[in-house]
Amino acid sequence: MARPFYNLPSLTALAAFEAAARHQSFKTAAQELNVTSGAVSHQIKSLEREIGQTLFQRQHRGVSLTDNGAVLFRAVQGGFSDIADSVQRLRNHTQDGVVTIAATSAVSALWLTPRLAKYWEANPQARVNQYVSDTLDPTARAADLIIKYGSIDDKKRIETPLFNDVLLPLVAPNRFPDLSQGLGELAQLPLIHLDADSASWTNWKTWFNQLGYTGPIARERQVNTYTIALQAAQSGAGIVLGWQRLVEPLLRSGALVPFSDFVITAPVSFKVVSDPVSDLPEETAHLRAFLLETVE
């Protein structure tokens, strides 16, 4: 019997393997795939026989990947993820003329939405879906455009800088006394920490380190979205690390004010992520160009 063109094992077996590896459980994988645990086990044993390698260590309370299994898992998961992204983008394009743009809640509220309002004013028939998420999940990655701080792990897409920024402490007006003893004193005031999923999101530790301070930092107040961090600071709960250009509407309104003269240049820039420009549908290319033109 002739081998398939790519000389791959059964796709059913690979799907069972990917689910079992992701969950570290045959039982949970079976529930996700709507089959029995025995069926998952059978598919994985068949896969192991075909490639001649043990992929899982079977244990009393579950399974764990072998080194060879981990290698295969990275490849299979990456392939499935790329397929999922491509399928989602094609689904998006079936909605004639619709552009889907993804951003975090803070970027959406403070930067993107005001610009989309101007875009709709100039292009009243434009169809734009805004996807707001504070985690870059597969649905966000499949968006036509992504506004992101830092980089995305997708070599098939391009990243175009929107703007650089600076980072400084921000507080509600008249909330805390002025500093008199420098960074060490600031580090012990109520700091609002962002527990972000993205490794590129700059935190207080990085900010202090870049200014030369490596001592203890107060960590009592933590939130998991930047929007909530900003709201907490506006309510007087503490000091938030602010991206000056991003939060410019809050500074302009006086809802937040700079606290101290300490400031650093943000380590990474805000970017717009998309497919290569030559591959973009006309509507997507038009919105992308508009957003880039709005950057002062």
Protein backbone atom coordinates (compact mmCIF):
# COMPACT_ATOMS: atom_id res chain seq x y z
CA MET A 1 0.00 0.00 0.00
CA ALA A 2 1.40 3.39 -1.00
CA ARG A 3 2.27 5.76 1.82
CA PRO A 4 0.49 9.14 1.98
CA PHE A 5 2.35 12.06 0.41
CA TYR A 6 3.67 13.40 3.73
CA ASN A 7 4.44 9.94 5.11
CA LEU A 8 2.59 10.76 8.33
CA PRO A 9 0.98 8.41 10.83
CA SER A 10 -2.79 8.35 11.17
CA LEU A 11 -4.17 11.83 11.80
CA THR A 12 -6.62 10.26 14.24
CA ALA A 13 -3.70 8.88 16.22
CA LEU A 14 -1.90 12.24 16.13
CA ALA A 15 -5.03 14.02 17.37
CA ALA A 16 -5.36 11.54 20.24
CA PHE A 17 -1.68 11.97 21.07
CA GLU A 18 -1.90 15.79 21.03
CA ALA A 19 -4.92 15.84 23.34
CA ALA A 20 -3.38 13.30 25.75
CA ALA A 21 -0.07 15.18 25.82
CA ARG A 22 -1.77 18.54 26.38
CA HIS A 23 -3.87 17.21 29.26
CA GLN A 24 -1.28 14.72 30.56
CA SER A 25 -4.23 12.33 30.79
CA PHE A 26 -5.76 9.70 28.52
CA LYS A 27 -9.08 10.05 30.35
CA THR A 28 -9.36 13.82 29.88
CA ALA A 29 -8.26 13.51 26.26
CA ALA A 30 -10.99 10.92 25.70
CA GLN A 31 -13.60 13.27 27.18
CA GLU A 32 -12.46 16.08 24.88
CA LEU A 33 -12.52 13.83 21.80
CA ASN A 34 -15.79 12.17 22.83
CA VAL A 35 -14.32 8.65 22.73
CA THR A 36 -13.37 6.10 25.38
CA SER A 37 -10.09 6.09 27.28
CA GLY A 38 -9.40 2.71 25.72
CA ALA A 39 -9.73 4.21 22.24
CA VAL A 40 -7.19 6.91 23.08
CA SER A 41 -4.81 4.34 24.56
CA HIS A 42 -5.19 2.16 21.45
CA GLN A 43 -4.41 5.06 19.11
CA ILE A 44 -1.32 6.05 21.07
CA LYS A 45 0.00 2.47 21.25
CA SER A 46 -0.49 2.23 17.49
CA LEU A 47 1.40 5.49 17.02
CA GLU A 48 4.26 4.31 19.25
CA ARG A 49 4.55 1.05 17.28
CA GLU A 50 4.59 2.89 13.97
CA ILE A 51 7.36 5.34 14.87
CA GLY A 52 9.24 2.91 17.10
CA GLN A 53 9.41 5.18 20.14
CA THR A 54 7.77 5.30 23.57
CA LEU A 55 5.92 8.60 23.81
CA PHE A 56 4.44 8.42 27.33
CA GLN A 57 5.55 7.18 30.71
CA ARG A 58 2.51 5.37 32.10
CA GLN A 59 2.08 6.10 35.80
CA HIS A 60 -0.49 5.11 38.40
CA ARG A 61 -2.10 8.55 38.52
CA GLY A 62 -1.62 9.64 34.92
CA VAL A 63 0.91 9.88 32.15
CA SER A 64 3.87 12.09 31.32
CA LEU A 65 5.73 12.66 28.09
CA THR A 66 9.06 11.04 27.41
CA ASP A 67 11.76 13.18 25.82
CA ASN A 68 10.79 11.79 22.40
CA GLY A 69 7.15 12.43 23.19
CA ALA A 70 7.90 16.06 24.05
CA VAL A 71 9.65 16.53 20.69
CA LEU A 72 6.66 15.13 18.81
CA PHE A 73 4.18 17.12 20.92
CA ARG A 74 5.84 20.44 20.08
CA ALA A 75 5.70 19.61 16.38
CA VAL A 76 2.12 18.32 16.38
CA GLN A 77 0.77 21.14 18.52
CA GLY A 78 2.51 23.74 16.37
CA GLY A 79 1.08 22.18 13.22
CA PHE A 80 -2.45 21.97 14.58
CA SER A 81 -2.21 25.55 15.86
CA ASP A 82 -1.12 26.82 12.44
CA ILE A 83 -3.97 24.94 10.76
CA ALA A 84 -6.47 26.35 13.27
CA ASP A 85 -5.23 29.90 12.67
CA SER A 86 -5.47 29.52 8.90
CA VAL A 87 -8.95 28.02 9.07
CA GLN A 88 -10.16 30.81 11.37
CA ARG A 89 -8.77 33.50 9.06
CA LEU A 90 -10.51 31.84 6.10
CA ARG A 91 -13.74 31.76 8.11
CA ASN A 92 -13.31 35.45 8.85
CA HIS A 93 -12.81 36.17 5.15
CA THR A 94 -16.02 34.38 4.22
CA GLN A 95 -17.81 37.30 5.89
CA ASP A 96 -17.56 39.60 2.91
CA GLY A 97 -15.52 42.67 3.77
CA VAL A 98 -15.38 42.04 7.52
CA VAL A 99 -12.09 42.83 9.29
CA THR A 100 -11.43 41.30 12.72
CA ILE A 101 -8.97 43.18 14.93
CA ALA A 102 -7.76 41.94 18.32
CA ALA A 103 -6.37 43.87 21.28
CA THR A 104 -6.24 43.76 25.06
CA SER A 105 -8.97 45.52 27.01
CA ALA A 106 -6.70 48.46 27.91
CA VAL A 107 -5.34 48.91 24.39
CA SER A 108 -8.87 48.68 23.03
CA ALA A 109 -10.37 51.20 25.44
CA LEU A 110 -7.54 53.74 25.47
CA TRP A 111 -6.02 53.55 21.98
CA LEU A 112 -7.91 51.43 19.45
CA THR A 113 -11.60 52.24 20.00
CA PRO A 114 -11.19 56.04 19.64
CA ARG A 115 -9.39 55.44 16.34
CA LEU A 116 -12.01 52.99 15.12
CA ALA A 117 -14.64 55.64 15.83
CA LYS A 118 -12.77 58.02 13.51
CA TYR A 119 -12.38 55.22 10.95
CA TRP A 120 -16.13 54.58 10.93
CA GLU A 121 -16.79 58.30 10.66
CA ALA A 122 -14.68 58.40 7.50
CA ASN A 123 -15.83 54.96 6.27
CA PRO A 124 -19.42 54.49 7.50
CA GLN A 125 -19.93 51.24 5.57
CA ALA A 126 -16.80 49.55 6.94
CA ARG A 127 -17.43 46.27 8.76
CA VAL A 128 -14.99 45.79 11.64
CA ASN A 129 -15.25 43.21 14.43
CA GLN A 130 -13.23 44.08 17.51
CA TYR A 131 -12.02 41.08 19.55
CA VAL A 132 -10.98 42.09 23.08
CA SER A 133 -8.96 39.66 25.19
CA ASP A 134 -6.22 39.98 27.78
CA THR A 135 -4.75 36.65 26.67
CA LEU A 136 -3.54 36.01 23.15
CA ASP A 137 -5.57 32.84 22.65
CA PRO A 138 -5.92 31.04 19.29
CA THR A 139 -9.00 33.10 18.39
CA ALA A 140 -7.08 36.34 18.83
CA ARG A 141 -4.12 34.99 16.84
CA ALA A 142 -6.49 34.25 13.96
CA ALA A 143 -7.64 37.87 13.79
CA ASP A 144 -6.83 39.82 10.64
CA LEU A 145 -5.01 42.47 12.67
CA ILE A 146 -3.62 42.38 16.21
CA ILE A 147 -2.52 45.39 18.24
CA LYS A 148 0.13 44.10 20.63
CA TYR A 149 2.82 45.24 23.05
CA GLY A 150 5.86 43.15 22.13
CA SER A 151 6.07 40.30 19.65
CA ILE A 152 3.88 37.39 18.63
CA ASP A 153 5.30 33.90 18.15
CA ASP A 154 4.19 33.49 14.55
CA LYS A 155 6.82 33.63 11.82
CA LYS A 156 4.17 33.69 9.10
CA ARG A 157 2.98 37.15 10.13
CA ILE A 158 4.68 40.52 10.08
CA GLU A 159 4.98 43.07 12.91
CA THR A 160 4.96 46.78 12.16
CA PRO A 161 5.80 49.24 14.97
CA LEU A 162 3.01 51.62 15.95
CA PHE A 163 4.72 53.64 18.65
CA ASN A 164 7.33 53.49 21.38
CA ASP A 165 6.45 54.56 24.89
CA VAL A 166 7.87 55.47 28.28
CA LEU A 167 7.01 53.95 31.64
CA LEU A 168 6.41 55.98 34.77
CA PRO A 169 4.47 55.66 38.06
CA LEU A 170 0.92 57.02 37.97
CA VAL A 171 -1.53 57.77 40.81
CA ALA A 172 -4.84 59.43 41.49
CA PRO A 173 -4.41 63.18 42.13
CA ASN A 174 -3.19 64.03 45.65
CA ARG A 175 -3.23 60.37 46.69
CA PHE A 176 0.33 59.98 48.05
CA PRO A 177 2.94 62.44 49.31
CA ASP A 178 5.83 63.35 47.07
CA LEU A 179 8.92 61.19 47.33
CA SER A 180 11.86 62.48 49.30
CA GLN A 181 14.13 59.44 49.53
CA GLY A 182 14.11 58.04 46.01
CA LEU A 183 13.41 54.61 44.58
CA GLY A 184 13.69 52.72 47.85
CA GLU A 185 10.82 54.72 49.32
CA LEU A 186 8.73 54.31 46.18
CA ALA A 187 9.27 50.54 46.25
CA GLN A 188 7.58 50.32 49.65
CA LEU A 189 4.47 52.30 48.75
CA PRO A 190 1.30 50.45 47.61
CA LEU A 191 2.25 49.28 44.11
CA ILE A 192 -0.39 47.71 41.87
CA HIS A 193 1.15 44.66 40.18
CA LEU A 194 -0.14 43.20 36.93
CA ASP A 195 -0.09 39.40 36.79
CA ALA A 196 0.03 39.31 32.98
CA ASP A 197 0.04 36.23 30.75
CA SER A 198 2.37 37.92 28.28
CA ALA A 199 6.06 37.69 29.14
CA SER A 200 6.67 40.90 27.16
CA TRP A 201 4.52 43.04 29.49
CA THR A 202 6.93 45.12 31.58
CA ASN A 203 6.50 44.74 35.34
CA TRP A 204 7.58 46.74 38.38
CA LYS A 205 10.66 44.56 38.99
CA THR A 206 11.96 45.22 35.48
CA TRP A 207 11.19 48.93 35.82
CA PHE A 208 13.06 49.25 39.12
CA ASN A 209 15.99 47.16 37.86
CA GLN A 210 16.44 49.40 34.82
CA LEU A 211 16.69 52.36 37.17
CA GLY A 212 19.35 50.59 39.23
CA TYR A 213 17.22 49.55 42.23
CA THR A 214 17.30 45.82 43.11
CA GLY A 215 15.95 45.91 46.68
CA PRO A 216 12.63 44.67 48.06
CA ILE A 217 9.38 45.74 46.40
CA ALA A 218 5.92 45.87 48.03
CA ARG A 219 3.74 43.17 46.44
CA GLU A 220 0.48 43.19 48.38
CA ARG A 221 -1.76 44.39 45.52
CA GLN A 222 -2.10 42.32 42.33
CA VAL A 223 -4.62 42.19 39.48
CA ASN A 224 -4.68 40.19 36.25
CA THR A 225 -5.72 42.83 33.70
CA TYR A 226 -4.21 46.22 33.00
CA THR A 227 -7.65 47.85 32.77
CA ILE A 228 -8.37 46.86 36.37
CA ALA A 229 -4.91 48.05 37.43
CA LEU A 230 -5.68 51.47 35.98
CA GLN A 231 -9.12 51.56 37.60
CA ALA A 232 -7.63 50.61 40.96
CA ALA A 233 -5.12 53.44 40.71
CA GLN A 234 -7.83 55.93 39.75
CA SER A 235 -9.76 54.82 42.85
CA GLY A 236 -6.74 55.60 45.02
CA ALA A 237 -5.77 51.98 45.74
CA GLY A 238 -2.14 52.44 44.82
CA ILE A 239 0.45 53.33 42.22
CA VAL A 240 0.26 51.83 38.73
CA LEU A 241 3.02 51.50 36.17
CA GLY A 242 1.87 53.63 33.26
CA TRP A 243 2.58 53.58 29.53
CA GLN A 244 2.48 57.34 28.97
CA ARG A 245 1.26 57.37 25.34
CA LEU A 246 -1.18 54.50 25.87
CA VAL A 247 -2.87 56.09 28.90
CA GLU A 248 -2.76 59.63 27.48
CA PRO A 249 -6.58 59.96 27.70
CA LEU A 250 -6.40 59.38 31.48
CA LEU A 251 -3.55 61.86 31.87
CA ARG A 252 -5.36 64.44 29.75
CA SER A 253 -8.51 64.12 31.84
CA GLY A 254 -6.58 64.29 35.12
CA ALA A 255 -7.85 60.89 36.28
CA LEU A 256 -4.21 59.87 36.79
CA VAL A 257 -1.12 62.01 37.27
CA PRO A 258 2.62 61.22 37.17
CA PHE A 259 4.17 60.34 40.51
CA SER A 260 7.87 61.24 40.84
CA ASP A 261 10.37 62.01 38.10
CA PHE A 262 11.50 58.41 37.60
CA VAL A 263 10.89 57.19 34.03
CA ILE A 264 12.31 54.61 31.63
CA THR A 265 11.91 53.94 27.93
CA ALA A 266 9.62 50.94 27.43
CA PRO A 267 11.74 47.89 26.49
CA VAL A 268 9.49 46.98 23.55
CA SER A 269 7.09 48.87 21.30
CA PHE A 270 3.41 48.58 20.47
CA LYS A 271 2.91 46.90 17.09
CA VAL A 272 0.28 45.97 14.56
CA VAL A 273 0.50 42.31 13.53
CA SER A 274 -0.89 41.03 10.24
CA ASP A 275 -0.26 38.74 7.31
CA PRO A 276 2.21 40.15 4.77
CA VAL A 277 0.75 43.28 3.23
CA SER A 278 0.68 41.74 -0.25
CA ASP A 279 -1.61 38.96 1.07
CA LEU A 280 -4.12 41.23 2.83
CA PRO A 281 -7.68 41.71 1.55
CA GLU A 282 -8.38 45.30 0.52
CA GLU A 283 -10.48 46.08 3.61
CA THR A 284 -7.81 44.79 6.00
CA ALA A 285 -5.02 46.65 4.24
CA HIS A 286 -7.09 49.85 4.33
CA LEU A 287 -7.73 49.66 8.09
CA ARG A 288 -4.10 48.74 8.80
CA ALA A 289 -2.87 51.75 6.81
CA PHE A 290 -5.36 54.04 8.60
CA LEU A 291 -4.14 52.93 12.05
CA LEU A 292 -0.52 53.48 11.08
CA GLU A 293 -1.35 56.96 9.72
CA THR A 294 -3.00 57.96 13.04
CA VAL A 295 0.25 57.53 14.98
CA GLU A 296 1.77 60.94 15.62
